[in-house]
Amino acid sequence: MIFHITNAQGFKSLLLTGNYLPELFSQDGFVHCSFRDQVTQTANRFFSTQDNLLLFEINEISLCNLLKIENLEGGKELFPHVYGSIPLESISQIAIMVKTKNGFEFPSIWYSPVDFSNMVK
């Protein structure tokens, strides 16, 4: 599984269109994702000033040839990038990112996309 951090607007967009593309897709050309052990580091590095974040768990097998594992910044650590939209069917679970005084933690409570959409209505 791979993971993507987003916000409520990203989730609403997914529900409206059936596909997910972040706002920066047109600039970056891909969807930034993380492996499980990279999620909290990514959240704390890039989203530390934000609240109300969501985490999509994505079944990378369903993405066919859209997924590349790479490092585009010259480091050694590899990250999953999705070069196209992520269909709703590829998102297996959604969680709310918990932020403590020490930063974000990996979620322990997960919801199916259907259950999550019913919660936020």
C-alpha atoms as a PDB file:
ATOM      1  CA  MET A   1       0.000   0.000   0.000  1.00  0.00           C
ATOM      2  CA  ILE A   2       1.002   3.596  -0.560  1.00  0.00           C
ATOM      3  CA  PHE A   3      -0.384   6.702   1.120  1.00  0.00           C
ATOM      4  CA  HIS A   4      -1.324  10.248   0.156  1.00  0.00           C
ATOM      5  CA  ILE A   5      -1.959  13.191   2.477  1.00  0.00           C
ATOM      6  CA  THR A   6      -4.793  15.521   1.507  1.00  0.00           C
ATOM      7  CA  ASN A   7      -7.491  17.716   3.029  1.00  0.00           C
ATOM      8  CA  ALA A   8     -11.290  17.855   3.069  1.00  0.00           C
ATOM      9  CA  GLN A   9     -11.357  19.630  -0.299  1.00  0.00           C
ATOM     10  CA  GLY A  10      -9.372  16.786  -1.837  1.00  0.00           C
ATOM     11  CA  PHE A  11     -11.878  14.294  -0.472  1.00  0.00           C
ATOM     12  CA  LYS A  12     -14.823  16.333  -1.791  1.00  0.00           C
ATOM     13  CA  SER A  13     -13.187  16.456  -5.217  1.00  0.00           C
ATOM     14  CA  LEU A  14     -12.752  12.675  -5.131  1.00  0.00           C
ATOM     15  CA  LEU A  15     -16.440  12.190  -4.327  1.00  0.00           C
ATOM     16  CA  LEU A  16     -17.605  14.596  -7.034  1.00  0.00           C
ATOM     17  CA  THR A  17     -15.515  13.211  -9.870  1.00  0.00           C
ATOM     18  CA  GLY A  18     -14.703   9.647  -8.817  1.00  0.00           C
ATOM     19  CA  ASN A  19     -11.018  10.465  -9.353  1.00  0.00           C
ATOM     20  CA  TYR A  20      -8.492  12.286  -7.229  1.00  0.00           C
ATOM     21  CA  LEU A  21      -5.961  14.856  -8.410  1.00  0.00           C
ATOM     22  CA  PRO A  22      -4.364  17.296  -5.973  1.00  0.00           C
ATOM     23  CA  GLU A  23      -4.298  21.013  -6.712  1.00  0.00           C
ATOM     24  CA  LEU A  24      -0.583  20.928  -7.501  1.00  0.00           C
ATOM     25  CA  PHE A  25      -0.868  18.149 -10.083  1.00  0.00           C
ATOM     26  CA  SER A  26      -0.728  20.582 -12.999  1.00  0.00           C
ATOM     27  CA  GLN A  27       2.497  22.028 -11.575  1.00  0.00           C
ATOM     28  CA  ASP A  28       4.161  18.774 -10.452  1.00  0.00           C
ATOM     29  CA  GLY A  29       2.805  16.346 -13.045  1.00  0.00           C
ATOM     30  CA  PHE A  30       2.236  13.593 -10.487  1.00  0.00           C
ATOM     31  CA  VAL A  31       0.606  12.825  -7.131  1.00  0.00           C
ATOM     32  CA  HIS A  32       3.099  12.776  -4.246  1.00  0.00           C
ATOM     33  CA  CYS A  33       2.715   9.642  -2.139  1.00  0.00           C
ATOM     34  CA  SER A  34       4.580   7.938   0.679  1.00  0.00           C
ATOM     35  CA  PHE A  35       5.261   4.462   1.911  1.00  0.00           C
ATOM     36  CA  ARG A  36       3.884   3.714   5.387  1.00  0.00           C
ATOM     37  CA  ASP A  37       7.155   4.452   7.172  1.00  0.00           C
ATOM     38  CA  GLN A  38       7.416   7.836   5.407  1.00  0.00           C
ATOM     39  CA  VAL A  39       3.942   9.205   6.220  1.00  0.00           C
ATOM     40  CA  THR A  40       4.606  10.935   9.544  1.00  0.00           C
ATOM     41  CA  GLN A  41       7.927  12.366   8.363  1.00  0.00           C
ATOM     42  CA  THR A  42       6.219  13.755   5.249  1.00  0.00           C
ATOM     43  CA  ALA A  43       3.286  15.162   7.227  1.00  0.00           C
ATOM     44  CA  ASN A  44       5.519  16.840   9.774  1.00  0.00           C
ATOM     45  CA  ARG A  45       7.874  18.231   7.141  1.00  0.00           C
ATOM     46  CA  PHE A  46       5.402  19.574   4.604  1.00  0.00           C
ATOM     47  CA  PHE A  47       2.107  19.998   6.489  1.00  0.00           C
ATOM     48  CA  SER A  48       3.180  21.049   9.996  1.00  0.00           C
ATOM     49  CA  THR A  49       1.173  24.289   9.887  1.00  0.00           C
ATOM     50  CA  GLN A  50      -2.014  22.600   8.689  1.00  0.00           C
ATOM     51  CA  ASP A  51      -4.812  20.862  10.546  1.00  0.00           C
ATOM     52  CA  ASN A  52      -7.679  18.629   9.439  1.00  0.00           C
ATOM     53  CA  LEU A  53      -5.592  16.485   7.141  1.00  0.00           C
ATOM     54  CA  LEU A  54      -6.716  13.155   5.725  1.00  0.00           C
ATOM     55  CA  LEU A  55      -4.684  10.160   4.696  1.00  0.00           C
ATOM     56  CA  PHE A  56      -5.653   7.983   1.748  1.00  0.00           C
ATOM     57  CA  GLU A  57      -4.466   4.377   1.748  1.00  0.00           C
ATOM     58  CA  ILE A  58      -4.054   3.465  -1.910  1.00  0.00           C
ATOM     59  CA  ASN A  59      -3.840   0.025  -3.433  1.00  0.00           C
ATOM     60  CA  GLU A  60      -0.925   0.569  -5.787  1.00  0.00           C
ATOM     61  CA  ILE A  61      -1.627  -2.635  -7.725  1.00  0.00           C
ATOM     62  CA  SER A  62      -4.764  -1.043  -9.179  1.00  0.00           C
ATOM     63  CA  LEU A  63      -2.771   1.888 -10.579  1.00  0.00           C
ATOM     64  CA  CYS A  64      -1.230  -0.191 -13.382  1.00  0.00           C
ATOM     65  CA  ASN A  65       1.577   1.702 -15.044  1.00  0.00           C
ATOM     66  CA  LEU A  66       0.848   5.098 -13.409  1.00  0.00           C
ATOM     67  CA  LEU A  67       3.108   4.412 -10.405  1.00  0.00           C
ATOM     68  CA  LYS A  68       6.845   5.134 -10.335  1.00  0.00           C
ATOM     69  CA  ILE A  69       9.119   4.626  -7.350  1.00  0.00           C
ATOM     70  CA  GLU A  70      11.774   7.315  -7.570  1.00  0.00           C
ATOM     71  CA  ASN A  71      13.670  10.180  -5.989  1.00  0.00           C
ATOM     72  CA  LEU A  72      13.495  13.448  -7.883  1.00  0.00           C
ATOM     73  CA  GLU A  73      15.426  15.543  -5.369  1.00  0.00           C
ATOM     74  CA  GLY A  74      18.782  13.800  -5.533  1.00  0.00           C
ATOM     75  CA  GLY A  75      18.567  11.930  -2.238  1.00  0.00           C
ATOM     76  CA  LYS A  76      18.719   8.220  -1.601  1.00  0.00           C
ATOM     77  CA  GLU A  77      15.190   7.738  -0.256  1.00  0.00           C
ATOM     78  CA  LEU A  78      12.646   6.591  -2.840  1.00  0.00           C
ATOM     79  CA  PHE A  79       9.035   7.781  -2.910  1.00  0.00           C
ATOM     80  CA  PRO A  80       5.977   6.557  -4.836  1.00  0.00           C
ATOM     81  CA  HIS A  81       4.640   9.015  -7.410  1.00  0.00           C
ATOM     82  CA  VAL A  82       1.407   8.499  -9.330  1.00  0.00           C
ATOM     83  CA  TYR A  83       1.480   9.968 -12.846  1.00  0.00           C
ATOM     84  CA  GLY A  84      -2.254  10.361 -13.307  1.00  0.00           C
ATOM     85  CA  SER A  85      -5.481  10.570 -11.374  1.00  0.00           C
ATOM     86  CA  ILE A  86      -6.247   8.102  -8.609  1.00  0.00           C
ATOM     87  CA  PRO A  87      -9.653   6.460  -9.062  1.00  0.00           C
ATOM     88  CA  LEU A  88     -11.926   6.110  -6.055  1.00  0.00           C
ATOM     89  CA  GLU A  89     -11.734   2.307  -6.404  1.00  0.00           C
ATOM     90  CA  SER A  90      -7.976   2.464  -5.705  1.00  0.00           C
ATOM     91  CA  ILE A  91      -8.486   4.118  -2.321  1.00  0.00           C
ATOM     92  CA  SER A  92      -9.022   1.301   0.131  1.00  0.00           C
ATOM     93  CA  GLN A  93      -9.207   3.337   3.361  1.00  0.00           C
ATOM     94  CA  ILE A  94      -9.249   6.903   4.664  1.00  0.00           C
ATOM     95  CA  ALA A  95      -8.060   8.200   8.026  1.00  0.00           C
ATOM     96  CA  ILE A  96      -7.903  11.501   9.834  1.00  0.00           C
ATOM     97  CA  MET A  97      -4.311  12.531  10.551  1.00  0.00           C
ATOM     98  CA  VAL A  98      -3.926  13.016  14.288  1.00  0.00           C
ATOM     99  CA  LYS A  99      -1.763  15.965  15.322  1.00  0.00           C
ATOM    100  CA  THR A 100      -0.291  16.028  18.820  1.00  0.00           C
ATOM    101  CA  LYS A 101       2.102  18.458  20.477  1.00  0.00           C
ATOM    102  CA  ASN A 102       4.915  16.343  18.979  1.00  0.00           C
ATOM    103  CA  GLY A 103       3.502  16.470  15.445  1.00  0.00           C
ATOM    104  CA  PHE A 104       1.458  14.112  13.323  1.00  0.00           C
ATOM    105  CA  GLU A 105       1.090  10.441  14.180  1.00  0.00           C
ATOM    106  CA  PHE A 106       0.215   7.561  11.894  1.00  0.00           C
ATOM    107  CA  PRO A 107      -3.550   6.952  12.193  1.00  0.00           C
ATOM    108  CA  SER A 108      -4.910   3.975  14.078  1.00  0.00           C
ATOM    109  CA  ILE A 109      -8.548   4.428  13.028  1.00  0.00           C
ATOM    110  CA  TRP A 110      -9.458   3.890   9.381  1.00  0.00           C
ATOM    111  CA  TYR A 111     -12.707   4.101   7.401  1.00  0.00           C
ATOM    112  CA  SER A 112     -13.846   2.810   4.064  1.00  0.00           C
ATOM    113  CA  PRO A 113     -14.471   5.609   1.549  1.00  0.00           C
ATOM    114  CA  VAL A 114     -18.222   4.929   1.790  1.00  0.00           C
ATOM    115  CA  ASP A 115     -18.261   5.051   5.590  1.00  0.00           C
ATOM    116  CA  PHE A 116     -16.122   8.185   5.602  1.00  0.00           C
ATOM    117  CA  SER A 117     -18.376   9.958   3.108  1.00  0.00           C
ATOM    118  CA  ASN A 118     -21.389   9.133   5.296  1.00  0.00           C
ATOM    119  CA  MET A 119     -19.603  10.610   8.326  1.00  0.00           C
ATOM    120  CA  VAL A 120     -18.875  13.959   6.687  1.00  0.00           C
ATOM    121  CA  LYS A 121     -22.323  14.575   5.220  1.00  0.00           C
END
